[in-house]
């Protein structure tokens, strides 16, 4: 779980652009009745590009809709899976959240068609369930503490946990792709 510490060390020198990125994303989510969740792959693309180029995030990248159809289908599939899990006494939602945790990140990378991104996420998620759920619990605790600090701390903890989630994905990316290959999932050309 070094992603949180490493992410904080990276972000603390230039925190404002990360806070603004999450504020804009949160406002879009709020004003669209929650449909802003469809931009999650774009959010991860913005984070990926900023980290790879060692720069602050650029707001315009959040609104680049080059892969919008695959992004929409992937996010809808993940939402349906989580809804079905929620209908199964809430415990199912925890399971589906872990199994399909990687789907938005895989959509951001654009290596798989939407259903294959879900399958790849599940293939890796079921073998690494404990590690993923521990990350999710730590992220929830960090955000809860941030919210409890007069609701202002969430401005720092939200970008911290989302960027840490991308770094967590990058640390597992090779294993996710290997799990997808083992399942015989085709990659996009």
C-alpha atoms as a PDB file:
ATOM      1  CA  UNK A   1       0.000   0.000   0.000  1.00  0.00           C
ATOM      2  CA  UNK A   2       2.897   2.322  -0.681  1.00  0.00           C
ATOM      3  CA  UNK A   3       0.823   3.967  -3.410  1.00  0.00           C
ATOM      4  CA  UNK A   4      -0.677   6.422  -0.919  1.00  0.00           C
ATOM      5  CA  UNK A   5       2.655   7.547   0.503  1.00  0.00           C
ATOM      6  CA  UNK A   6       4.323   7.755  -2.914  1.00  0.00           C
ATOM      7  CA  UNK A   7       1.343   9.619  -4.344  1.00  0.00           C
ATOM      8  CA  UNK A   8       1.371  12.119  -1.486  1.00  0.00           C
ATOM      9  CA  UNK A   9       5.102  12.739  -1.986  1.00  0.00           C
ATOM     10  CA  UNK A  10       4.477  13.336  -5.697  1.00  0.00           C
ATOM     11  CA  UNK A  11       1.404  15.547  -5.259  1.00  0.00           C
ATOM     12  CA  UNK A  12       2.291  17.711  -2.275  1.00  0.00           C
ATOM     13  CA  UNK A  13       4.573  19.995  -4.275  1.00  0.00           C
ATOM     14  CA  UNK A  14       1.857  20.885  -6.797  1.00  0.00           C
ATOM     15  CA  UNK A  15      -1.438  20.069  -5.102  1.00  0.00           C
ATOM     16  CA  UNK A  16      -3.687  22.804  -6.546  1.00  0.00           C
ATOM     17  CA  UNK A  17      -4.106  21.391 -10.102  1.00  0.00           C
ATOM     18  CA  UNK A  18      -5.010  17.980  -8.667  1.00  0.00           C
ATOM     19  CA  UNK A  19      -7.578  19.535  -6.319  1.00  0.00           C
ATOM     20  CA  UNK A  20      -9.071  21.562  -9.182  1.00  0.00           C
ATOM     21  CA  UNK A  21      -9.282  18.451 -11.367  1.00  0.00           C
ATOM     22  CA  UNK A  22     -11.236  16.576  -8.693  1.00  0.00           C
ATOM     23  CA  UNK A  23     -13.437  19.604  -7.970  1.00  0.00           C
ATOM     24  CA  UNK A  24     -14.393  19.894 -11.643  1.00  0.00           C
ATOM     25  CA  UNK A  25     -15.029  16.157 -11.873  1.00  0.00           C
ATOM     26  CA  UNK A  26     -17.131  16.245  -8.688  1.00  0.00           C
ATOM     27  CA  UNK A  27     -19.142  19.234  -9.895  1.00  0.00           C
ATOM     28  CA  UNK A  28     -19.858  17.512 -13.204  1.00  0.00           C
ATOM     29  CA  UNK A  29     -20.963  14.442 -11.279  1.00  0.00           C
ATOM     30  CA  UNK A  30     -23.205  16.552  -9.028  1.00  0.00           C
ATOM     31  CA  UNK A  31     -24.821  18.633 -11.759  1.00  0.00           C
ATOM     32  CA  UNK A  32     -25.505  15.686 -14.044  1.00  0.00           C
ATOM     33  CA  UNK A  33     -27.329  13.673 -11.431  1.00  0.00           C
ATOM     34  CA  UNK A  34     -24.433  11.256 -11.108  1.00  0.00           C
ATOM     35  CA  UNK A  35     -23.967  10.634 -14.815  1.00  0.00           C
ATOM     36  CA  UNK A  36     -20.500  12.156 -14.545  1.00  0.00           C
ATOM     37  CA  UNK A  37     -19.333   8.686 -13.525  1.00  0.00           C
ATOM     38  CA  UNK A  38     -19.204   8.036 -17.260  1.00  0.00           C
ATOM     39  CA  UNK A  39     -16.132  10.310 -17.322  1.00  0.00           C
ATOM     40  CA  UNK A  40     -14.156   8.072 -14.948  1.00  0.00           C
ATOM     41  CA  UNK A  41     -12.018   6.584 -17.769  1.00  0.00           C
ATOM     42  CA  UNK A  42     -11.259  10.142 -18.945  1.00  0.00           C
ATOM     43  CA  UNK A  43     -10.283  11.053 -15.387  1.00  0.00           C
ATOM     44  CA  UNK A  44      -7.872   8.123 -15.304  1.00  0.00           C
ATOM     45  CA  UNK A  45      -6.490   9.061 -18.754  1.00  0.00           C
ATOM     46  CA  UNK A  46      -5.836  12.578 -17.465  1.00  0.00           C
ATOM     47  CA  UNK A  47      -4.040  11.159 -14.426  1.00  0.00           C
ATOM     48  CA  UNK A  48      -2.071   8.676 -16.560  1.00  0.00           C
ATOM     49  CA  UNK A  49      -0.871  11.395 -18.939  1.00  0.00           C
ATOM     50  CA  UNK A  50       0.115  13.740 -16.107  1.00  0.00           C
ATOM     51  CA  UNK A  51       2.057  11.020 -14.289  1.00  0.00           C
ATOM     52  CA  UNK A  52       3.827   9.726 -17.384  1.00  0.00           C
ATOM     53  CA  UNK A  53       4.848  13.220 -18.453  1.00  0.00           C
ATOM     54  CA  UNK A  54       5.636  14.277 -14.853  1.00  0.00           C
ATOM     55  CA  UNK A  55       3.431  17.351 -14.990  1.00  0.00           C
ATOM     56  CA  UNK A  56       0.255  18.705 -13.462  1.00  0.00           C
ATOM     57  CA  UNK A  57      -3.026  17.442 -14.906  1.00  0.00           C
ATOM     58  CA  UNK A  58      -4.560  19.406 -17.762  1.00  0.00           C
ATOM     59  CA  UNK A  59      -8.280  20.046 -17.415  1.00  0.00           C
ATOM     60  CA  UNK A  60      -8.963  19.768 -21.141  1.00  0.00           C
ATOM     61  CA  UNK A  61      -7.972  16.101 -21.129  1.00  0.00           C
ATOM     62  CA  UNK A  62     -10.989  15.344 -18.947  1.00  0.00           C
ATOM     63  CA  UNK A  63     -13.191  16.335 -21.888  1.00  0.00           C
ATOM     64  CA  UNK A  64     -11.484  14.422 -24.707  1.00  0.00           C
ATOM     65  CA  UNK A  65     -14.058  11.954 -25.924  1.00  0.00           C
ATOM     66  CA  UNK A  66     -11.988   9.897 -28.362  1.00  0.00           C
ATOM     67  CA  UNK A  67     -13.061   6.556 -26.847  1.00  0.00           C
ATOM     68  CA  UNK A  68     -16.428   7.641 -25.496  1.00  0.00           C
ATOM     69  CA  UNK A  69     -18.416   4.663 -26.805  1.00  0.00           C
ATOM     70  CA  UNK A  70     -16.124   2.079 -25.186  1.00  0.00           C
ATOM     71  CA  UNK A  71     -15.930   4.186 -22.023  1.00  0.00           C
ATOM     72  CA  UNK A  72     -19.707   4.442 -21.777  1.00  0.00           C
ATOM     73  CA  UNK A  73     -20.282   0.736 -22.326  1.00  0.00           C
ATOM     74  CA  UNK A  74     -17.573  -0.235 -19.816  1.00  0.00           C
ATOM     75  CA  UNK A  75     -18.919   2.091 -17.130  1.00  0.00           C
ATOM     76  CA  UNK A  76     -22.503   0.967 -17.735  1.00  0.00           C
ATOM     77  CA  UNK A  77     -21.448  -2.687 -17.504  1.00  0.00           C
ATOM     78  CA  UNK A  78     -19.601  -2.013 -14.261  1.00  0.00           C
ATOM     79  CA  UNK A  79     -22.584  -0.111 -12.861  1.00  0.00           C
ATOM     80  CA  UNK A  80     -25.008  -2.870 -13.785  1.00  0.00           C
ATOM     81  CA  UNK A  81     -22.746  -5.472 -12.172  1.00  0.00           C
ATOM     82  CA  UNK A  82     -22.495  -3.387  -8.997  1.00  0.00           C
ATOM     83  CA  UNK A  83     -26.261  -2.789  -8.966  1.00  0.00           C
ATOM     84  CA  UNK A  84     -26.944  -6.507  -9.282  1.00  0.00           C
ATOM     85  CA  UNK A  85     -24.427  -7.109  -6.503  1.00  0.00           C
ATOM     86  CA  UNK A  86     -26.163  -4.510  -4.353  1.00  0.00           C
ATOM     87  CA  UNK A  87     -29.490  -6.236  -4.886  1.00  0.00           C
ATOM     88  CA  UNK A  88     -27.914  -9.411  -3.491  1.00  0.00           C
ATOM     89  CA  UNK A  89     -27.936  -8.207   0.119  1.00  0.00           C
ATOM     90  CA  UNK A  90     -25.230  -5.567  -0.383  1.00  0.00           C
ATOM     91  CA  UNK A  91     -22.444  -8.130   0.081  1.00  0.00           C
ATOM     92  CA  UNK A  92     -22.579  -8.810  -3.644  1.00  0.00           C
ATOM     93  CA  UNK A  93     -21.793  -5.149  -4.319  1.00  0.00           C
ATOM     94  CA  UNK A  94     -18.580  -5.468  -2.332  1.00  0.00           C
ATOM     95  CA  UNK A  95     -17.617  -8.522  -4.361  1.00  0.00           C
ATOM     96  CA  UNK A  96     -18.461  -6.927  -7.724  1.00  0.00           C
ATOM     97  CA  UNK A  97     -16.692  -3.695  -6.745  1.00  0.00           C
ATOM     98  CA  UNK A  98     -13.510  -5.656  -6.161  1.00  0.00           C
ATOM     99  CA  UNK A  99     -13.852  -7.922  -9.189  1.00  0.00           C
ATOM    100  CA  UNK A 100     -14.501  -5.043 -11.582  1.00  0.00           C
ATOM    101  CA  UNK A 101     -12.216  -2.512  -9.870  1.00  0.00           C
ATOM    102  CA  UNK A 102      -9.815  -2.423 -12.825  1.00  0.00           C
ATOM    103  CA  UNK A 103     -12.467  -1.964 -15.554  1.00  0.00           C
ATOM    104  CA  UNK A 104     -12.346   1.883 -15.720  1.00  0.00           C
ATOM    105  CA  UNK A 105      -8.538   1.820 -15.767  1.00  0.00           C
ATOM    106  CA  UNK A 106      -8.521  -0.783 -18.533  1.00  0.00           C
ATOM    107  CA  UNK A 107     -11.001   1.386 -20.435  1.00  0.00           C
ATOM    108  CA  UNK A 108      -8.650   4.344 -19.962  1.00  0.00           C
ATOM    109  CA  UNK A 109      -5.773   2.354 -21.429  1.00  0.00           C
ATOM    110  CA  UNK A 110      -7.960   1.233 -24.330  1.00  0.00           C
ATOM    111  CA  UNK A 111      -6.426  -2.236 -24.664  1.00  0.00           C
ATOM    112  CA  UNK A 112      -9.722  -4.147 -24.547  1.00  0.00           C
ATOM    113  CA  UNK A 113     -13.283  -3.954 -25.784  1.00  0.00           C
ATOM    114  CA  UNK A 114     -15.704  -3.158 -22.920  1.00  0.00           C
ATOM    115  CA  UNK A 115     -16.799  -6.721 -22.140  1.00  0.00           C
ATOM    116  CA  UNK A 116     -13.216  -7.953 -22.375  1.00  0.00           C
ATOM    117  CA  UNK A 117     -12.119  -5.189 -19.978  1.00  0.00           C
ATOM    118  CA  UNK A 118     -14.690  -6.511 -17.506  1.00  0.00           C
ATOM    119  CA  UNK A 119     -13.470 -10.084 -18.008  1.00  0.00           C
ATOM    120  CA  UNK A 120      -9.817  -9.053 -17.628  1.00  0.00           C
ATOM    121  CA  UNK A 121     -10.646  -7.156 -14.442  1.00  0.00           C
ATOM    122  CA  UNK A 122     -12.493 -10.143 -13.049  1.00  0.00           C
ATOM    123  CA  UNK A 123      -9.730 -12.585 -14.023  1.00  0.00           C
ATOM    124  CA  UNK A 124      -7.183 -10.595 -12.024  1.00  0.00           C
ATOM    125  CA  UNK A 125      -9.594  -9.469  -9.297  1.00  0.00           C
ATOM    126  CA  UNK A 126     -10.596 -12.944  -8.207  1.00  0.00           C
ATOM    127  CA  UNK A 127      -6.935 -13.928  -7.752  1.00  0.00           C
ATOM    128  CA  UNK A 128      -6.041 -10.714  -5.884  1.00  0.00           C
ATOM    129  CA  UNK A 129      -9.270 -10.077  -4.012  1.00  0.00           C
ATOM    130  CA  UNK A 130      -7.631  -9.422  -0.637  1.00  0.00           C
ATOM    131  CA  UNK A 131      -5.119  -6.900  -1.896  1.00  0.00           C
ATOM    132  CA  UNK A 132      -7.730  -4.969  -3.884  1.00  0.00           C
ATOM    133  CA  UNK A 133     -10.215  -4.838  -1.014  1.00  0.00           C
ATOM    134  CA  UNK A 134      -7.462  -3.672   1.359  1.00  0.00           C
ATOM    135  CA  UNK A 135      -6.654  -0.837  -1.044  1.00  0.00           C
ATOM    136  CA  UNK A 136     -10.336   0.077  -1.267  1.00  0.00           C
ATOM    137  CA  UNK A 137     -10.703   0.064   2.526  1.00  0.00           C
ATOM    138  CA  UNK A 138      -7.624   2.249   2.968  1.00  0.00           C
ATOM    139  CA  UNK A 139      -8.919   4.683   0.340  1.00  0.00           C
ATOM    140  CA  UNK A 140     -12.307   4.803   2.096  1.00  0.00           C
ATOM    141  CA  UNK A 141     -10.677   5.439   5.479  1.00  0.00           C
ATOM    142  CA  UNK A 142      -8.460   8.196   4.060  1.00  0.00           C
ATOM    143  CA  UNK A 143     -11.432   9.892   2.390  1.00  0.00           C
ATOM    144  CA  UNK A 144     -13.563   9.533   5.533  1.00  0.00           C
ATOM    145  CA  UNK A 145     -10.869  11.200   7.616  1.00  0.00           C
ATOM    146  CA  UNK A 146     -10.585  13.911   4.976  1.00  0.00           C
ATOM    147  CA  UNK A 147     -14.336  14.480   5.087  1.00  0.00           C
ATOM    148  CA  UNK A 148     -14.340  14.623   8.869  1.00  0.00           C
ATOM    149  CA  UNK A 149     -11.847  17.510   8.844  1.00  0.00           C
ATOM    150  CA  UNK A 150     -14.592  20.084   8.359  1.00  0.00           C
ATOM    151  CA  UNK A 151     -15.323  18.641   4.907  1.00  0.00           C
ATOM    152  CA  UNK A 152     -12.258  20.497   3.611  1.00  0.00           C
ATOM    153  CA  UNK A 153      -9.800  17.618   3.910  1.00  0.00           C
ATOM    154  CA  UNK A 154     -11.671  15.734   1.194  1.00  0.00           C
ATOM    155  CA  UNK A 155     -10.322  18.325  -1.263  1.00  0.00           C
ATOM    156  CA  UNK A 156      -6.893  16.801  -0.654  1.00  0.00           C
ATOM    157  CA  UNK A 157      -7.795  13.186   0.064  1.00  0.00           C
ATOM    158  CA  UNK A 158     -10.042  12.677  -2.995  1.00  0.00           C
ATOM    159  CA  UNK A 159      -7.306  13.435  -5.543  1.00  0.00           C
ATOM    160  CA  UNK A 160      -4.812  11.533  -3.388  1.00  0.00           C
ATOM    161  CA  UNK A 161      -6.883   8.337  -3.431  1.00  0.00           C
ATOM    162  CA  UNK A 162      -7.816   8.545  -7.119  1.00  0.00           C
ATOM    163  CA  UNK A 163      -4.213   9.086  -8.202  1.00  0.00           C
ATOM    164  CA  UNK A 164      -3.128   6.310  -5.806  1.00  0.00           C
ATOM    165  CA  UNK A 165      -5.722   4.043  -7.461  1.00  0.00           C
ATOM    166  CA  UNK A 166      -4.117   4.698 -10.850  1.00  0.00           C
ATOM    167  CA  UNK A 167      -0.657   3.985  -9.418  1.00  0.00           C
ATOM    168  CA  UNK A 168      -2.059   0.798  -7.838  1.00  0.00           C
ATOM    169  CA  UNK A 169      -3.351  -0.176 -11.282  1.00  0.00           C
ATOM    170  CA  UNK A 170       0.010   0.522 -12.904  1.00  0.00           C
ATOM    171  CA  UNK A 171       1.743  -1.683 -10.342  1.00  0.00           C
ATOM    172  CA  UNK A 172      -0.639  -4.513 -11.293  1.00  0.00           C
ATOM    173  CA  UNK A 173      -0.983  -3.824 -15.005  1.00  0.00           C
ATOM    174  CA  UNK A 174       1.359  -6.573 -16.180  1.00  0.00           C
ATOM    175  CA  UNK A 175      -0.400  -9.129 -13.973  1.00  0.00           C
ATOM    176  CA  UNK A 176      -3.813  -7.961 -15.238  1.00  0.00           C
ATOM    177  CA  UNK A 177      -2.687  -8.324 -18.847  1.00  0.00           C
ATOM    178  CA  UNK A 178      -1.211 -11.760 -18.067  1.00  0.00           C
ATOM    179  CA  UNK A 179      -4.515 -12.834 -16.491  1.00  0.00           C
ATOM    180  CA  UNK A 180      -6.343 -11.570 -19.588  1.00  0.00           C
ATOM    181  CA  UNK A 181      -3.952 -13.443 -21.860  1.00  0.00           C
ATOM    182  CA  UNK A 182      -4.476 -16.615 -19.816  1.00  0.00           C
ATOM    183  CA  UNK A 183      -8.220 -16.208 -20.396  1.00  0.00           C
ATOM    184  CA  UNK A 184      -7.603 -15.776 -24.138  1.00  0.00           C
ATOM    185  CA  UNK A 185      -9.059 -12.254 -24.208  1.00  0.00           C
ATOM    186  CA  UNK A 186      -8.249 -10.401 -27.434  1.00  0.00           C
ATOM    187  CA  UNK A 187      -6.691  -6.959 -27.283  1.00  0.00           C
ATOM    188  CA  UNK A 188      -7.732  -4.099 -29.503  1.00  0.00           C
ATOM    189  CA  UNK A 189      -5.514  -3.390 -32.472  1.00  0.00           C
END
